[in-house]
Amino acid sequence: MIDQIDENVRTRLQAAVAQHADAMIAFAQRAIQTRSLPGEEQELATLVKQEMERLGYDEVWIDRVGNVIGVLKGQGQGRSVQFNAHLDHVHEGDPALWPYPPYAGVIHDGVLYGRGACDVKGALAAQVYLVPVLRAAELLPRGDIVVAAVVLEELGGLGTQTLCQEVRTDVAVLGEPTRLELRHGHRGRLLIEVDFVGRSAHASMPEEGANPLFSLARFLLALEHLPMVTDPVLGPSSVAPTLLRVDQTSSNVTPAVVTLSLDWRNVPADTPEAAVERVQHLARECCQAGITAQVRLVQRSVRTYTGIEATVPPTRGFLLPADHLLVRGAQQVLQHVLGRAVPLGVWRFATDGGHLMHAGIPTIGFAPGDDRLAHTVHDQVSLAELRAGLLGYAALALHLSALEENEEARP
């Protein structure tokens, strides 16, 4: 399974990575220095497109929603492989809380700091540079290599959803942080809102109203003990109450409506419809006299920097079996080329991988960066991991595109 990554190929890849590592790191710095919140990715998209063109990709374009797609044409006799990383990132919050300015791209003691460093601009840079590494090593993959820098991952993944419809590949490698380990699935994410509706009253005469906060309190206590669907690998679904709002702004008025947001992380067997039904049943059980409950699944409306408006479905969970050809082969190749063990695991958070798998594209995850630092003020990625990630990506491009047609890569 790793015969196409022999010692000669490994040595050539290592030499090519050494040749391009400094430029890749500098590009990662520029990416971090380019603020690209969801819906505001145009400047970074232009930067990525220009870099792909400069590096000699065979084809480069920006699609209708703003994804940047670059293609290295293979030998025409293998599988197409997609390397996917997103352009957007979460807000930086209070810059004063950061050890270094969030958009400075500071390098200190072999570590690159800044918003998006591990989620996922370090991986993005490594994926962009896998093409010149393969060219420098004079190693042309059997199938086409597609490097996709997608929009709006942080708001539900419209970029990857669109990509699945318009640029299909046989397999995909996702650039969400994995600590250079291999990932083969994660739970999905649902946003469920519950309205408890009563009757408002002056706070001096609470008996004249029907205060929904008491029913909410009963619901929260019961929710803590709600049995959850469990997956043997991903573990149980989970639910976390997050936001709470009422229809009043005065503290001397009892509310008529209180709305609770639930962050529900669902295993694949726990469907959105089933989750909403269970919440609805529990909410109704907790309603006291004069109170009703309304439960809904919230879908997010988004707008791309190109002006496309859409509603995205809940983020999907997925699990590719640990003994799947794609998983086993990738793990062996990475261990061989990196010269160390590469553990297999699952992400704790949701990614665009669910959209890829839903479209029938088997997906694994491999990337530099510590996922525990994503979305924090300590966002960072080590330069050593960036170099190793670039080597791993180049090796995966060769291996995955060389899967024989009789070696089933579909989920």
Protein backbone atom coordinates (compact mmCIF):
# COMPACT_ATOMS: atom_id res chain seq x y z
CA MET A 1 0.00 0.00 0.00
CA ILE A 2 3.00 2.32 0.39
CA ASP A 3 5.12 1.00 -2.46
CA GLN A 4 4.82 4.31 -4.39
CA ILE A 5 6.42 6.15 -1.42
CA ASP A 6 9.73 4.29 -1.29
CA GLU A 7 12.91 5.69 0.23
CA ASN A 8 13.93 7.37 -2.99
CA VAL A 9 10.60 9.18 -3.24
CA ARG A 10 10.71 10.09 0.43
CA THR A 11 14.19 11.59 0.04
CA ARG A 12 13.13 13.60 -3.01
CA LEU A 13 10.08 14.93 -1.20
CA GLN A 14 12.13 15.91 1.84
CA ALA A 15 14.57 17.82 -0.36
CA ALA A 16 11.73 19.60 -2.16
CA VAL A 17 10.07 20.55 1.15
CA ALA A 18 13.37 22.01 2.39
CA GLN A 19 13.56 24.01 -0.82
CA HIS A 20 10.09 25.53 -0.43
CA ALA A 21 9.57 25.63 3.35
CA ASP A 22 10.67 29.23 3.90
CA ALA A 23 8.42 30.54 1.14
CA MET A 24 5.51 28.48 2.49
CA ILE A 25 6.01 29.91 5.99
CA ALA A 26 6.19 33.45 4.60
CA PHE A 27 2.94 32.83 2.74
CA ALA A 28 1.32 31.57 5.95
CA GLN A 29 2.41 34.83 7.61
CA ARG A 30 0.83 36.89 4.84
CA ALA A 31 -2.36 34.88 5.13
CA ILE A 32 -2.57 35.58 8.88
CA GLN A 33 -1.88 39.26 8.24
CA THR A 34 -4.90 39.30 5.90
CA ARG A 35 -8.03 39.53 8.03
CA SER A 36 -10.74 37.31 6.49
CA LEU A 37 -13.87 37.03 8.60
CA PRO A 38 -16.77 35.02 7.12
CA GLY A 39 -18.20 36.92 4.16
CA GLU A 40 -15.07 39.10 4.03
CA GLU A 41 -12.62 36.66 2.43
CA GLN A 42 -12.08 38.48 -0.89
CA GLU A 43 -8.65 39.95 -0.10
CA LEU A 44 -7.29 36.60 1.07
CA ALA A 45 -8.92 34.80 -1.87
CA THR A 46 -7.11 37.13 -4.25
CA LEU A 47 -3.83 36.52 -2.40
CA VAL A 48 -4.28 32.73 -2.63
CA LYS A 49 -5.20 32.87 -6.32
CA GLN A 50 -2.16 34.99 -7.14
CA GLU A 51 0.12 32.64 -5.21
CA MET A 52 -1.25 29.58 -7.01
CA GLU A 53 -0.71 31.30 -10.35
CA ARG A 54 2.83 32.31 -9.39
CA LEU A 55 3.59 28.74 -8.33
CA GLY A 56 2.58 27.35 -11.70
CA TYR A 57 -0.70 25.56 -11.09
CA ASP A 58 -2.21 24.23 -14.33
CA GLU A 59 -5.57 25.86 -13.63
CA VAL A 60 -6.63 28.49 -11.10
CA TRP A 61 -10.01 30.18 -10.72
CA ILE A 62 -12.45 31.69 -8.23
CA ASP A 63 -15.95 30.23 -8.39
CA ARG A 64 -19.31 31.93 -7.98
CA VAL A 65 -19.33 31.81 -4.16
CA GLY A 66 -15.70 32.91 -3.81
CA ASN A 67 -13.83 29.62 -3.37
CA VAL A 68 -10.33 29.55 -4.83
CA ILE A 69 -9.59 26.37 -6.77
CA GLY A 70 -6.21 25.35 -8.12
CA VAL A 71 -5.50 22.19 -10.12
CA LEU A 72 -2.37 20.20 -10.82
CA LYS A 73 -3.08 17.91 -13.76
CA GLY A 74 -1.99 14.33 -13.08
CA GLN A 75 -0.96 11.56 -15.44
CA GLY A 76 -4.60 10.89 -16.28
CA GLN A 77 -4.72 7.39 -14.88
CA GLY A 78 -5.46 7.79 -11.19
CA ARG A 79 -7.95 9.15 -8.70
CA SER A 80 -8.52 12.86 -8.16
CA VAL A 81 -7.60 14.13 -4.70
CA GLN A 82 -8.96 17.28 -3.08
CA PHE A 83 -7.05 19.18 -0.40
CA ASN A 84 -9.52 21.45 1.38
CA ALA A 85 -8.88 24.34 3.79
CA HIS A 86 -11.02 27.37 4.54
CA LEU A 87 -10.28 31.05 4.04
CA ASP A 88 -12.37 32.43 6.90
CA HIS A 89 -11.77 32.53 10.64
CA VAL A 90 -13.61 33.52 13.80
CA HIS A 91 -13.41 37.04 15.26
CA GLU A 92 -10.31 37.90 17.24
CA GLY A 93 -12.14 39.37 20.24
CA ASP A 94 -10.20 41.78 22.46
CA PRO A 95 -6.69 42.23 20.96
CA ALA A 96 -5.36 43.17 24.40
CA LEU A 97 -5.81 39.56 25.53
CA TRP A 98 -3.47 38.20 22.87
CA PRO A 99 0.23 37.49 23.56
CA TYR A 100 0.97 39.07 20.16
CA PRO A 101 -1.26 41.23 17.94
CA PRO A 102 -3.73 38.83 16.28
CA TYR A 103 -2.95 39.93 12.73
CA ALA A 104 0.78 40.58 13.00
CA GLY A 105 1.87 37.06 12.03
CA VAL A 106 4.65 37.11 14.63
CA ILE A 107 7.19 34.28 14.61
CA HIS A 108 8.85 33.65 17.97
CA ASP A 109 10.93 30.64 19.03
CA GLY A 110 9.87 28.61 16.04
CA VAL A 111 6.14 29.30 16.42
CA LEU A 112 3.85 31.35 14.16
CA TYR A 113 1.19 33.26 16.11
CA GLY A 114 -2.04 34.92 15.06
CA ARG A 115 -5.74 34.50 14.37
CA GLY A 116 -6.18 31.57 12.03
CA ALA A 117 -2.67 30.19 12.51
CA CYS A 118 -3.92 26.72 13.42
CA ASP A 119 -7.50 27.13 12.16
CA VAL A 120 -6.49 26.93 9.37
CA LYS A 121 -4.12 29.29 7.58
CA GLY A 122 -1.05 27.23 8.40
CA ALA A 123 -2.64 24.20 6.76
CA LEU A 124 -3.87 26.37 3.89
CA ALA A 125 -0.33 27.50 3.15
CA ALA A 126 0.98 23.94 3.32
CA GLN A 127 -1.73 22.73 0.94
CA VAL A 128 -1.03 25.53 -1.54
CA TYR A 129 2.67 24.63 -1.52
CA LEU A 130 2.26 20.88 -2.03
CA VAL A 131 2.09 21.52 -5.80
CA PRO A 132 5.50 23.20 -6.14
CA VAL A 133 6.96 20.52 -3.86
CA LEU A 134 5.74 17.79 -6.21
CA ARG A 135 7.08 19.71 -9.20
CA ALA A 136 10.46 20.25 -7.55
CA ALA A 137 10.67 16.55 -6.70
CA GLU A 138 9.71 15.72 -10.31
CA LEU A 139 6.89 13.50 -9.06
CA LEU A 140 3.65 13.81 -11.02
CA PRO A 141 0.63 12.19 -9.33
CA ARG A 142 -1.40 9.69 -11.32
CA GLY A 143 -4.62 11.64 -10.81
CA ASP A 144 -5.47 15.33 -10.66
CA ILE A 145 -4.76 17.25 -7.45
CA VAL A 146 -7.32 19.91 -6.50
CA VAL A 147 -6.40 22.47 -3.84
CA ALA A 148 -9.51 24.29 -2.63
CA ALA A 149 -9.54 27.34 -0.36
CA VAL A 150 -13.20 27.65 0.60
CA VAL A 151 -15.41 30.36 2.08
CA LEU A 152 -17.79 30.43 5.04
CA GLU A 153 -16.67 27.27 6.81
CA GLU A 154 -17.15 29.03 10.13
CA LEU A 155 -20.81 29.74 9.23
CA GLY A 156 -21.87 26.28 8.11
CA GLY A 157 -19.81 25.47 5.04
CA LEU A 158 -21.56 26.96 2.00
CA GLY A 159 -18.22 27.07 0.18
CA THR A 160 -17.61 23.33 0.45
CA GLN A 161 -21.27 22.54 -0.23
CA THR A 162 -21.00 24.45 -3.51
CA LEU A 163 -17.66 22.86 -4.32
CA CYS A 164 -19.16 19.38 -3.94
CA GLN A 165 -21.72 20.24 -6.61
CA GLU A 166 -19.32 21.79 -9.10
CA VAL A 167 -15.86 20.22 -8.62
CA ARG A 168 -16.11 16.57 -7.68
CA THR A 169 -13.08 14.57 -6.61
CA ASP A 170 -12.66 10.91 -5.69
CA VAL A 171 -11.28 11.55 -2.18
CA ALA A 172 -10.58 14.54 0.07
CA VAL A 173 -8.07 15.57 2.74
CA LEU A 174 -9.35 18.23 5.14
CA GLY A 175 -6.95 20.79 6.60
CA GLU A 176 -8.57 21.29 10.01
CA PRO A 177 -5.98 21.05 12.83
CA THR A 178 -5.11 17.51 13.93
CA ARG A 179 -1.68 17.89 15.60
CA LEU A 180 -0.34 15.93 12.57
CA GLU A 181 -2.51 13.01 13.57
CA LEU A 182 -5.13 11.43 11.33
CA ARG A 183 -8.85 12.13 11.79
CA HIS A 184 -11.69 10.08 10.33
CA GLY A 185 -14.88 11.68 11.60
CA HIS A 186 -16.72 13.96 14.00
CA ARG A 187 -20.16 14.73 15.37
CA GLY A 188 -22.47 17.19 13.65
CA ARG A 189 -23.83 20.43 15.07
CA LEU A 190 -27.44 21.54 15.38
CA LEU A 191 -28.74 24.84 16.73
CA ILE A 192 -32.12 24.31 18.39
CA GLU A 193 -34.16 27.14 19.88
CA VAL A 194 -36.91 26.68 22.46
CA ASP A 195 -39.51 29.37 23.15
CA PHE A 196 -41.40 29.18 26.42
CA VAL A 197 -44.44 31.41 25.99
CA GLY A 198 -46.53 32.71 28.87
CA ARG A 199 -48.21 35.99 29.83
CA SER A 200 -46.46 39.16 30.93
CA ALA A 201 -47.36 41.02 34.12
CA HIS A 202 -46.12 43.79 36.39
CA ALA A 203 -43.48 42.27 38.65
CA SER A 204 -45.38 43.53 41.74
CA MET A 205 -48.33 41.29 40.74
CA PRO A 206 -46.71 38.10 39.39
CA GLU A 207 -49.89 36.12 39.99
CA GLU A 208 -51.56 38.10 37.18
CA GLY A 209 -49.15 36.64 34.62
CA ALA A 210 -47.73 33.26 33.63
CA ASN A 211 -43.97 33.52 33.99
CA PRO A 212 -42.19 31.19 31.52
CA LEU A 213 -38.93 31.33 33.45
CA PHE A 214 -40.17 28.71 35.92
CA SER A 215 -40.94 26.27 33.11
CA LEU A 216 -37.54 27.07 31.62
CA ALA A 217 -35.90 26.20 34.95
CA ARG A 218 -37.71 22.86 35.05
CA PHE A 219 -36.63 22.20 31.47
CA LEU A 220 -32.95 22.93 32.16
CA LEU A 221 -32.88 20.61 35.16
CA ALA A 222 -34.47 17.82 33.10
CA LEU A 223 -32.27 18.48 30.07
CA GLU A 224 -29.15 17.77 32.11
CA HIS A 225 -30.30 14.16 32.49
CA LEU A 226 -31.76 13.59 29.02
CA PRO A 227 -30.51 10.23 27.62
CA MET A 228 -28.41 10.76 24.48
CA VAL A 229 -27.75 8.64 21.40
CA THR A 230 -24.26 7.11 21.52
CA ASP A 231 -21.78 6.03 18.84
CA PRO A 232 -19.07 3.49 19.78
CA VAL A 233 -16.34 5.66 18.25
CA LEU A 234 -17.65 9.24 18.44
CA GLY A 235 -19.22 8.81 21.87
CA PRO A 236 -22.61 10.29 22.80
CA SER A 237 -24.43 13.24 21.33
CA SER A 238 -24.31 16.19 23.71
CA VAL A 239 -26.37 19.29 24.34
CA ALA A 240 -25.24 22.57 25.89
CA PRO A 241 -27.60 25.44 26.77
CA THR A 242 -25.83 28.58 25.56
CA LEU A 243 -27.83 31.76 24.95
CA LEU A 244 -30.91 33.06 26.75
CA ARG A 245 -33.07 36.02 25.84
CA VAL A 246 -36.41 37.44 26.93
CA ASP A 247 -38.88 39.78 25.28
CA GLN A 248 -38.51 42.45 28.00
CA THR A 249 -35.86 45.03 28.86
CA SER A 250 -37.24 46.19 32.20
CA SER A 251 -36.47 44.30 35.40
CA ASN A 252 -39.87 45.13 36.89
CA VAL A 253 -41.82 43.20 34.23
CA THR A 254 -42.19 39.44 34.07
CA PRO A 255 -41.50 38.19 30.53
CA ALA A 256 -44.05 36.73 28.18
CA VAL A 257 -41.49 34.85 26.09
CA VAL A 258 -38.11 33.40 26.99
CA THR A 259 -35.95 31.83 24.28
CA LEU A 260 -33.19 29.31 24.95
CA SER A 261 -30.49 28.33 22.45
CA LEU A 262 -29.20 24.75 22.54
CA ASP A 263 -25.92 23.70 20.93
CA TRP A 264 -26.57 20.06 20.06
CA ARG A 265 -23.63 17.95 18.88
CA ASN A 266 -25.11 14.89 17.21
CA VAL A 267 -23.62 11.57 16.22
CA PRO A 268 -24.64 10.43 12.70
CA ALA A 269 -27.43 8.15 13.99
CA ASP A 270 -28.99 11.07 15.91
CA THR A 271 -30.87 12.88 13.15
CA PRO A 272 -31.88 16.55 13.40
CA GLU A 273 -35.55 15.58 13.21
CA ALA A 274 -35.19 13.08 16.07
CA ALA A 275 -33.31 15.61 18.23
CA VAL A 276 -35.98 18.30 17.73
CA GLU A 277 -38.74 15.80 18.54
CA ARG A 278 -37.06 14.81 21.81
CA VAL A 279 -36.57 18.43 22.84
CA GLN A 280 -40.18 19.20 21.97
CA HIS A 281 -41.42 16.30 24.10
CA LEU A 282 -39.26 17.34 27.07
CA ALA A 283 -40.25 21.00 26.80
CA ARG A 284 -43.95 20.17 26.79
CA GLU A 285 -43.53 17.97 29.85
CA CYS A 286 -41.93 20.90 31.69
CA CYS A 287 -44.57 23.50 30.84
CA GLN A 288 -46.67 24.64 33.79
CA ALA A 289 -50.19 26.01 33.60
CA GLY A 290 -50.50 28.86 31.12
CA ILE A 291 -47.17 28.10 29.41
CA THR A 292 -46.61 26.63 25.95
CA ALA A 293 -43.38 25.58 24.27
CA GLN A 294 -42.25 25.96 20.67
CA VAL A 295 -39.14 24.19 19.37
CA ARG A 296 -37.39 24.82 16.05
CA LEU A 297 -34.22 23.86 14.22
CA VAL A 298 -32.37 27.03 13.23
CA GLN A 299 -30.78 27.23 9.80
CA ARG A 300 -28.25 29.96 9.16
CA SER A 301 -28.64 32.54 6.39
CA VAL A 302 -25.32 33.61 4.89
CA ARG A 303 -23.99 35.92 2.19
CA THR A 304 -20.72 35.38 0.35
CA TYR A 305 -18.33 38.18 -0.56
CA THR A 306 -19.43 37.59 -4.18
CA GLY A 307 -23.02 38.47 -3.24
CA ILE A 308 -24.57 34.98 -3.17
CA GLU A 309 -27.20 34.55 -0.45
CA ALA A 310 -28.19 31.11 0.84
CA THR A 311 -29.43 29.13 3.82
CA VAL A 312 -27.12 26.38 5.03
CA PRO A 313 -28.32 23.17 6.69
CA PRO A 314 -26.96 21.93 10.02
CA THR A 315 -23.35 20.79 9.98
CA ARG A 316 -23.30 17.06 9.34
CA GLY A 317 -21.41 14.49 11.34
CA PHE A 318 -19.62 11.58 9.71
CA LEU A 319 -17.43 8.60 10.45
CA LEU A 320 -15.26 6.79 7.92
CA PRO A 321 -14.53 3.29 9.28
CA ALA A 322 -11.07 2.88 10.79
CA ASP A 323 -10.42 -0.12 8.52
CA HIS A 324 -11.43 1.77 5.36
CA LEU A 325 -8.82 1.64 2.61
CA LEU A 326 -8.44 5.43 2.61
CA VAL A 327 -7.85 5.57 6.37
CA ARG A 328 -5.49 2.59 6.57
CA GLY A 329 -3.46 3.65 3.56
CA ALA A 330 -3.13 7.28 4.63
CA GLN A 331 -2.01 6.27 8.10
CA GLN A 332 0.67 3.93 6.75
CA VAL A 333 1.98 6.47 4.26
CA LEU A 334 2.13 9.28 6.82
CA GLN A 335 3.93 7.07 9.33
CA HIS A 336 6.42 6.05 6.66
CA VAL A 337 7.17 9.52 5.33
CA LEU A 338 7.19 11.27 8.73
CA GLY A 339 9.15 8.47 10.41
CA ARG A 340 6.92 8.22 13.47
CA ALA A 341 3.58 6.93 14.69
CA VAL A 342 0.52 8.80 13.44
CA PRO A 343 -2.41 8.16 15.81
CA LEU A 344 -5.95 7.85 14.49
CA GLY A 345 -8.78 9.75 16.12
CA VAL A 346 -11.83 11.97 15.62
CA TRP A 347 -12.34 15.71 15.88
CA ARG A 348 -14.25 17.08 18.87
CA PHE A 349 -15.69 19.88 16.73
CA ALA A 350 -17.58 19.91 13.42
CA THR A 351 -15.97 20.58 10.03
CA ASP A 352 -16.83 20.66 6.33
CA GLY A 353 -16.03 16.95 6.21
CA GLY A 354 -19.70 16.10 6.71
CA HIS A 355 -20.63 17.97 3.53
CA LEU A 356 -17.94 16.13 1.57
CA MET A 357 -19.03 12.74 2.88
CA HIS A 358 -22.70 13.55 2.26
CA ALA A 359 -21.73 14.22 -1.37
CA GLY A 360 -20.11 10.76 -1.57
CA ILE A 361 -16.49 11.92 -1.28
CA PRO A 362 -14.59 9.85 1.33
CA THR A 363 -12.77 12.28 3.61
CA ILE A 364 -9.92 12.18 6.10
CA GLY A 365 -8.28 14.95 8.10
CA PHE A 366 -4.59 15.75 8.49
CA ALA A 367 -3.06 19.11 9.33
CA PRO A 368 -0.51 20.98 11.43
CA GLY A 369 -1.79 22.84 14.47
CA ASP A 370 -3.20 21.98 17.88
CA ASP A 371 -6.99 21.81 17.68
CA ARG A 372 -7.21 22.70 21.38
CA LEU A 373 -5.91 26.20 20.54
CA ALA A 374 -8.40 26.88 17.75
CA HIS A 375 -10.70 29.88 18.37
CA THR A 376 -8.55 31.01 21.31
CA VAL A 377 -6.20 33.94 21.88
CA HIS A 378 -3.33 31.43 21.82
CA ASP A 379 -3.93 30.52 18.16
CA GLN A 380 -0.55 29.32 16.83
CA VAL A 381 1.26 26.72 14.75
CA SER A 382 4.85 25.57 15.01
CA LEU A 383 7.12 25.93 11.99
CA ALA A 384 8.27 22.34 12.44
CA GLU A 385 4.65 21.17 12.13
CA LEU A 386 4.17 23.31 9.03
CA ARG A 387 7.15 21.63 7.36
CA ALA A 388 5.98 18.17 8.39
CA GLY A 389 2.46 18.97 7.22
CA LEU A 390 3.76 20.00 3.80
CA LEU A 391 5.70 16.73 3.53
CA GLY A 392 2.64 14.75 4.58
CA TYR A 393 0.39 16.50 2.07
CA ALA A 394 2.77 15.82 -0.81
CA ALA A 395 3.03 12.16 0.16
CA LEU A 396 -0.76 11.85 0.46
CA ALA A 397 -1.21 13.42 -2.98
CA LEU A 398 0.99 10.74 -4.53
CA HIS A 399 -0.48 7.85 -2.56
CA LEU A 400 -4.18 8.67 -2.74
CA SER A 401 -4.08 9.46 -6.46
CA ALA A 402 -2.38 6.10 -7.05
CA LEU A 403 -5.18 4.00 -5.55
CA GLU A 404 -6.07 1.38 -8.12
CA GLU A 405 -9.53 1.44 -9.64
CA ASN A 406 -10.27 -1.94 -8.07
CA GLU A 407 -9.38 -0.58 -4.65
CA GLU A 408 -12.70 0.79 -3.47
CA ALA A 409 -12.38 4.35 -2.10
CA ARG A 410 -16.08 5.10 -1.75
CA PRO A 411 -17.62 5.17 1.73
